[in-house]
Amino acid sequence: MSAALIASLRQQCGGPRDGALLRFSLGNALHADGENAEAIVELRRALVFDPDYSAAWKLLGKLCLQTRQLDAAAEAWRQGIAVATRRGDKQAEKEMTVFLRRLHQASP
């Protein structure tokens, strides 16, 4: 199922429907399929389309953490917190603040 979804989403890339939501969806599907490195690439592309996409920042931070890119995870969450604060997305702001705090507490 996920392979078919990924293929369908990839077919739409570069077309008239290409954008932040498509790239976020592709990144999420790749993550669900265990392809975190590729998912990170697509999430970064989503953020090129819409740098104010707080959900993309949140997932990007999570995937960077999972791939042991700790500085990138922290930076993604910092960016995401700034976006969420500016947009009034309190839930995303709180979640990323907790993730960032845990990352700092776990770091030596």
N, C-alpha and C. Protein backbone atom coordinates (compact mmCIF):
# COMPACT_ATOMS: atom_id res chain seq x y z
N MET A 1 0.82 -1.20 0.00
CA MET A 1 0.00 0.00 0.00
C MET A 1 0.86 1.26 0.00
N SER A 2 1.86 1.34 0.88
CA SER A 2 2.66 2.55 0.94
C SER A 2 3.49 2.74 -0.33
N ALA A 3 3.93 1.65 -0.95
CA ALA A 3 4.70 1.78 -2.20
C ALA A 3 3.82 2.40 -3.29
N ALA A 4 2.58 1.99 -3.35
CA ALA A 4 1.66 2.56 -4.34
C ALA A 4 1.38 4.03 -4.05
N LEU A 5 1.21 4.35 -2.79
CA LEU A 5 0.97 5.75 -2.39
C LEU A 5 2.19 6.60 -2.73
N ILE A 6 3.36 6.11 -2.40
CA ILE A 6 4.59 6.85 -2.69
C ILE A 6 4.73 7.08 -4.19
N ALA A 7 4.48 6.04 -4.97
CA ALA A 7 4.58 6.17 -6.43
C ALA A 7 3.58 7.20 -6.95
N SER A 8 2.37 7.16 -6.43
CA SER A 8 1.34 8.12 -6.86
C SER A 8 1.73 9.55 -6.51
N LEU A 9 2.25 9.75 -5.31
CA LEU A 9 2.67 11.08 -4.89
C LEU A 9 3.84 11.57 -5.73
N ARG A 10 4.79 10.68 -6.01
CA ARG A 10 5.96 11.07 -6.81
C ARG A 10 5.56 11.48 -8.22
N GLN A 11 4.53 10.84 -8.76
CA GLN A 11 4.07 11.19 -10.10
C GLN A 11 3.56 12.62 -10.17
N GLN A 12 3.05 13.11 -9.07
CA GLN A 12 2.49 14.46 -9.03
C GLN A 12 3.55 15.55 -8.83
N CYS A 13 4.74 15.15 -8.38
CA CYS A 13 5.81 16.12 -8.15
C CYS A 13 6.22 16.75 -9.47
N GLY A 14 6.41 18.05 -9.44
CA GLY A 14 6.79 18.77 -10.63
C GLY A 14 5.62 19.20 -11.49
N GLY A 15 4.42 18.75 -11.14
CA GLY A 15 3.23 19.10 -11.89
C GLY A 15 2.49 20.28 -11.27
N PRO A 16 1.28 20.52 -11.75
CA PRO A 16 0.53 21.68 -11.26
C PRO A 16 0.11 21.56 -9.78
N ARG A 17 0.08 20.36 -9.25
CA ARG A 17 -0.31 20.16 -7.85
C ARG A 17 0.87 20.11 -6.89
N ASP A 18 2.07 20.29 -7.44
CA ASP A 18 3.26 20.24 -6.59
C ASP A 18 3.22 21.42 -5.62
N GLY A 19 3.56 21.13 -4.38
CA GLY A 19 3.56 22.17 -3.37
C GLY A 19 3.88 21.60 -2.02
N ALA A 20 3.72 22.41 -1.01
CA ALA A 20 4.08 22.02 0.35
C ALA A 20 3.30 20.81 0.83
N LEU A 21 2.00 20.79 0.59
CA LEU A 21 1.19 19.67 1.07
C LEU A 21 1.57 18.36 0.39
N LEU A 22 1.81 18.41 -0.92
CA LEU A 22 2.21 17.19 -1.64
C LEU A 22 3.55 16.69 -1.11
N ARG A 23 4.51 17.59 -0.97
CA ARG A 23 5.84 17.18 -0.49
C ARG A 23 5.79 16.70 0.95
N PHE A 24 4.97 17.33 1.78
CA PHE A 24 4.80 16.86 3.16
C PHE A 24 4.19 15.46 3.15
N SER A 25 3.17 15.26 2.34
CA SER A 25 2.52 13.95 2.25
C SER A 25 3.50 12.89 1.78
N LEU A 26 4.32 13.22 0.79
CA LEU A 26 5.33 12.28 0.31
C LEU A 26 6.34 11.98 1.40
N GLY A 27 6.79 13.01 2.09
CA GLY A 27 7.74 12.80 3.19
C GLY A 27 7.16 11.93 4.29
N ASN A 28 5.92 12.15 4.61
CA ASN A 28 5.25 11.35 5.63
C ASN A 28 5.11 9.89 5.19
N ALA A 29 4.75 9.68 3.92
CA ALA A 29 4.62 8.32 3.39
C ALA A 29 5.98 7.62 3.36
N LEU A 30 7.02 8.33 2.97
CA LEU A 30 8.37 7.75 2.97
C LEU A 30 8.79 7.39 4.39
N HIS A 31 8.49 8.24 5.34
CA HIS A 31 8.79 7.96 6.75
C HIS A 31 8.07 6.69 7.21
N ALA A 32 6.80 6.58 6.86
CA ALA A 32 6.03 5.39 7.24
C ALA A 32 6.61 4.12 6.63
N ASP A 33 7.29 4.28 5.50
CA ASP A 33 7.92 3.15 4.80
C ASP A 33 9.36 2.93 5.27
N GLY A 34 9.81 3.73 6.25
CA GLY A 34 11.15 3.56 6.79
C GLY A 34 12.24 4.25 5.99
N GLU A 35 11.88 5.07 5.05
CA GLU A 35 12.84 5.77 4.19
C GLU A 35 13.07 7.19 4.72
N ASN A 36 13.67 7.28 5.90
CA ASN A 36 13.79 8.57 6.58
C ASN A 36 14.70 9.56 5.86
N ALA A 37 15.78 9.10 5.25
CA ALA A 37 16.67 10.03 4.54
C ALA A 37 15.92 10.68 3.37
N GLU A 38 15.18 9.89 2.61
CA GLU A 38 14.39 10.45 1.51
C GLU A 38 13.27 11.34 2.04
N ALA A 39 12.69 10.95 3.16
CA ALA A 39 11.62 11.75 3.76
C ALA A 39 12.14 13.13 4.15
N ILE A 40 13.34 13.19 4.69
CA ILE A 40 13.94 14.47 5.08
C ILE A 40 14.08 15.37 3.85
N VAL A 41 14.52 14.81 2.74
CA VAL A 41 14.66 15.59 1.51
C VAL A 41 13.31 16.18 1.10
N GLU A 42 12.26 15.39 1.14
CA GLU A 42 10.94 15.87 0.73
C GLU A 42 10.38 16.90 1.70
N LEU A 43 10.65 16.73 2.98
CA LEU A 43 10.19 17.72 3.96
C LEU A 43 10.90 19.05 3.75
N ARG A 44 12.17 18.99 3.42
CA ARG A 44 12.90 20.24 3.13
C ARG A 44 12.32 20.90 1.88
N ARG A 45 11.93 20.10 0.90
CA ARG A 45 11.29 20.66 -0.30
C ARG A 45 9.94 21.28 0.05
N ALA A 46 9.20 20.65 0.94
CA ALA A 46 7.92 21.21 1.39
C ALA A 46 8.14 22.59 2.00
N LEU A 47 9.21 22.72 2.76
CA LEU A 47 9.49 23.99 3.44
C LEU A 47 10.00 25.06 2.49
N VAL A 48 10.52 24.66 1.33
CA VAL A 48 10.86 25.64 0.30
C VAL A 48 9.57 26.25 -0.24
N PHE A 49 8.57 25.39 -0.46
CA PHE A 49 7.27 25.87 -0.93
C PHE A 49 6.58 26.74 0.11
N ASP A 50 6.65 26.32 1.38
CA ASP A 50 5.97 27.06 2.45
C ASP A 50 6.79 27.00 3.73
N PRO A 51 7.64 28.00 3.96
CA PRO A 51 8.47 27.99 5.16
C PRO A 51 7.68 28.15 6.46
N ASP A 52 6.38 28.43 6.36
CA ASP A 52 5.54 28.58 7.54
C ASP A 52 4.71 27.33 7.84
N TYR A 53 5.12 26.20 7.33
CA TYR A 53 4.39 24.93 7.50
C TYR A 53 4.90 24.25 8.78
N SER A 54 4.28 24.56 9.90
CA SER A 54 4.79 24.09 11.20
C SER A 54 4.80 22.56 11.31
N ALA A 55 3.85 21.88 10.72
CA ALA A 55 3.84 20.42 10.78
C ALA A 55 5.06 19.83 10.07
N ALA A 56 5.49 20.47 9.00
CA ALA A 56 6.68 20.00 8.28
C ALA A 56 7.93 20.20 9.14
N TRP A 57 8.01 21.34 9.83
CA TRP A 57 9.14 21.56 10.72
C TRP A 57 9.17 20.52 11.84
N LYS A 58 8.00 20.22 12.38
CA LYS A 58 7.91 19.26 13.48
C LYS A 58 8.37 17.87 13.03
N LEU A 59 7.87 17.40 11.88
CA LEU A 59 8.26 16.08 11.40
C LEU A 59 9.72 16.07 10.97
N LEU A 60 10.18 17.14 10.37
CA LEU A 60 11.59 17.22 9.98
C LEU A 60 12.49 17.06 11.20
N GLY A 61 12.16 17.74 12.27
CA GLY A 61 12.95 17.60 13.50
C GLY A 61 12.94 16.17 14.02
N LYS A 62 11.78 15.55 13.98
CA LYS A 62 11.66 14.17 14.45
C LYS A 62 12.54 13.23 13.62
N LEU A 63 12.51 13.41 12.30
CA LEU A 63 13.29 12.52 11.43
C LEU A 63 14.78 12.80 11.55
N CYS A 64 15.16 14.06 11.72
CA CYS A 64 16.57 14.37 11.93
C CYS A 64 17.06 13.72 13.23
N LEU A 65 16.24 13.76 14.26
CA LEU A 65 16.59 13.11 15.52
C LEU A 65 16.77 11.60 15.31
N GLN A 66 15.83 10.99 14.60
CA GLN A 66 15.90 9.55 14.36
C GLN A 66 17.12 9.15 13.54
N THR A 67 17.60 10.04 12.68
CA THR A 67 18.78 9.74 11.88
C THR A 67 20.06 10.31 12.52
N ARG A 68 19.95 10.67 13.78
CA ARG A 68 21.07 11.15 14.60
C ARG A 68 21.70 12.45 14.10
N GLN A 69 20.89 13.28 13.47
CA GLN A 69 21.32 14.62 13.06
C GLN A 69 20.80 15.59 14.11
N LEU A 70 21.45 15.58 15.26
CA LEU A 70 20.94 16.29 16.43
C LEU A 70 20.89 17.80 16.23
N ASP A 71 21.92 18.37 15.62
CA ASP A 71 21.91 19.81 15.39
C ASP A 71 20.81 20.20 14.42
N ALA A 72 20.61 19.39 13.39
CA ALA A 72 19.55 19.65 12.41
C ALA A 72 18.18 19.52 13.05
N ALA A 73 18.02 18.56 13.94
CA ALA A 73 16.74 18.39 14.65
C ALA A 73 16.44 19.62 15.49
N ALA A 74 17.44 20.07 16.25
CA ALA A 74 17.26 21.25 17.10
C ALA A 74 16.92 22.47 16.25
N GLU A 75 17.61 22.65 15.15
CA GLU A 75 17.36 23.81 14.29
C GLU A 75 15.96 23.73 13.67
N ALA A 76 15.54 22.56 13.25
CA ALA A 76 14.19 22.40 12.68
C ALA A 76 13.14 22.78 13.72
N TRP A 77 13.32 22.32 14.93
CA TRP A 77 12.33 22.63 15.98
C TRP A 77 12.37 24.11 16.35
N ARG A 78 13.56 24.71 16.36
CA ARG A 78 13.63 26.15 16.64
C ARG A 78 12.86 26.93 15.57
N GLN A 79 13.11 26.57 14.32
CA GLN A 79 12.40 27.23 13.21
C GLN A 79 10.89 26.99 13.34
N GLY A 80 10.53 25.75 13.65
CA GLY A 80 9.12 25.40 13.78
C GLY A 80 8.44 26.13 14.92
N ILE A 81 9.14 26.29 16.04
CA ILE A 81 8.58 27.03 17.18
C ILE A 81 8.35 28.48 16.78
N ALA A 82 9.30 29.07 16.08
CA ALA A 82 9.16 30.47 15.64
C ALA A 82 7.94 30.61 14.71
N VAL A 83 7.80 29.68 13.79
CA VAL A 83 6.67 29.71 12.85
C VAL A 83 5.36 29.53 13.61
N ALA A 84 5.32 28.52 14.47
CA ALA A 84 4.09 28.23 15.22
C ALA A 84 3.69 29.40 16.11
N THR A 85 4.67 30.03 16.72
CA THR A 85 4.40 31.19 17.57
C THR A 85 3.81 32.33 16.75
N ARG A 86 4.44 32.58 15.61
CA ARG A 86 3.99 33.67 14.74
C ARG A 86 2.58 33.42 14.20
N ARG A 87 2.25 32.16 13.94
CA ARG A 87 0.95 31.82 13.37
C ARG A 87 -0.12 31.52 14.43
N GLY A 88 0.29 31.46 15.68
CA GLY A 88 -0.67 31.18 16.75
C GLY A 88 -1.02 29.70 16.87
N ASP A 89 -0.15 28.83 16.36
CA ASP A 89 -0.37 27.39 16.41
C ASP A 89 0.19 26.87 17.74
N LYS A 90 -0.58 27.06 18.80
CA LYS A 90 -0.12 26.79 20.17
C LYS A 90 0.26 25.33 20.40
N GLN A 91 -0.52 24.40 19.84
CA GLN A 91 -0.23 22.98 20.05
C GLN A 91 1.12 22.58 19.46
N ALA A 92 1.35 22.98 18.23
CA ALA A 92 2.64 22.67 17.58
C ALA A 92 3.79 23.34 18.33
N GLU A 93 3.57 24.56 18.76
CA GLU A 93 4.59 25.28 19.53
C GLU A 93 4.94 24.52 20.81
N LYS A 94 3.93 24.07 21.53
CA LYS A 94 4.16 23.33 22.78
C LYS A 94 4.90 22.02 22.52
N GLU A 95 4.45 21.28 21.49
CA GLU A 95 5.07 19.98 21.20
C GLU A 95 6.54 20.14 20.84
N MET A 96 6.84 21.07 19.94
CA MET A 96 8.23 21.25 19.53
C MET A 96 9.09 21.80 20.66
N THR A 97 8.52 22.60 21.53
CA THR A 97 9.25 23.10 22.70
C THR A 97 9.65 21.93 23.60
N VAL A 98 8.73 21.00 23.80
CA VAL A 98 9.02 19.81 24.61
C VAL A 98 10.10 18.97 23.94
N PHE A 99 9.98 18.75 22.62
CA PHE A 99 10.97 17.95 21.90
C PHE A 99 12.35 18.58 22.01
N LEU A 100 12.42 19.89 21.84
CA LEU A 100 13.70 20.59 21.91
C LEU A 100 14.28 20.52 23.32
N ARG A 101 13.45 20.69 24.33
CA ARG A 101 13.92 20.60 25.71
C ARG A 101 14.48 19.20 26.00
N ARG A 102 13.77 18.17 25.55
CA ARG A 102 14.25 16.79 25.76
C ARG A 102 15.56 16.55 25.05
N LEU A 103 15.70 17.10 23.86
CA LEU A 103 16.95 16.94 23.12
C LEU A 103 18.10 17.58 23.88
N HIS A 104 17.90 18.78 24.40
CA HIS A 104 18.94 19.46 25.14
C HIS A 104 19.27 18.73 26.44
N GLN A 105 18.27 18.16 27.09
CA GLN A 105 18.51 17.43 28.34
C GLN A 105 19.28 16.14 28.08
N ALA A 106 19.07 15.52 26.93
CA ALA A 106 19.75 14.27 26.60
C ALA A 106 21.16 14.49 26.09
N SER A 107 21.46 15.71 25.63
CA SER A 107 22.79 16.02 25.11
C SER A 107 23.75 16.26 26.25
N PRO A 108 25.00 15.79 26.07
CA PRO A 108 26.00 15.99 27.13
C PRO A 108 26.42 17.43 27.26
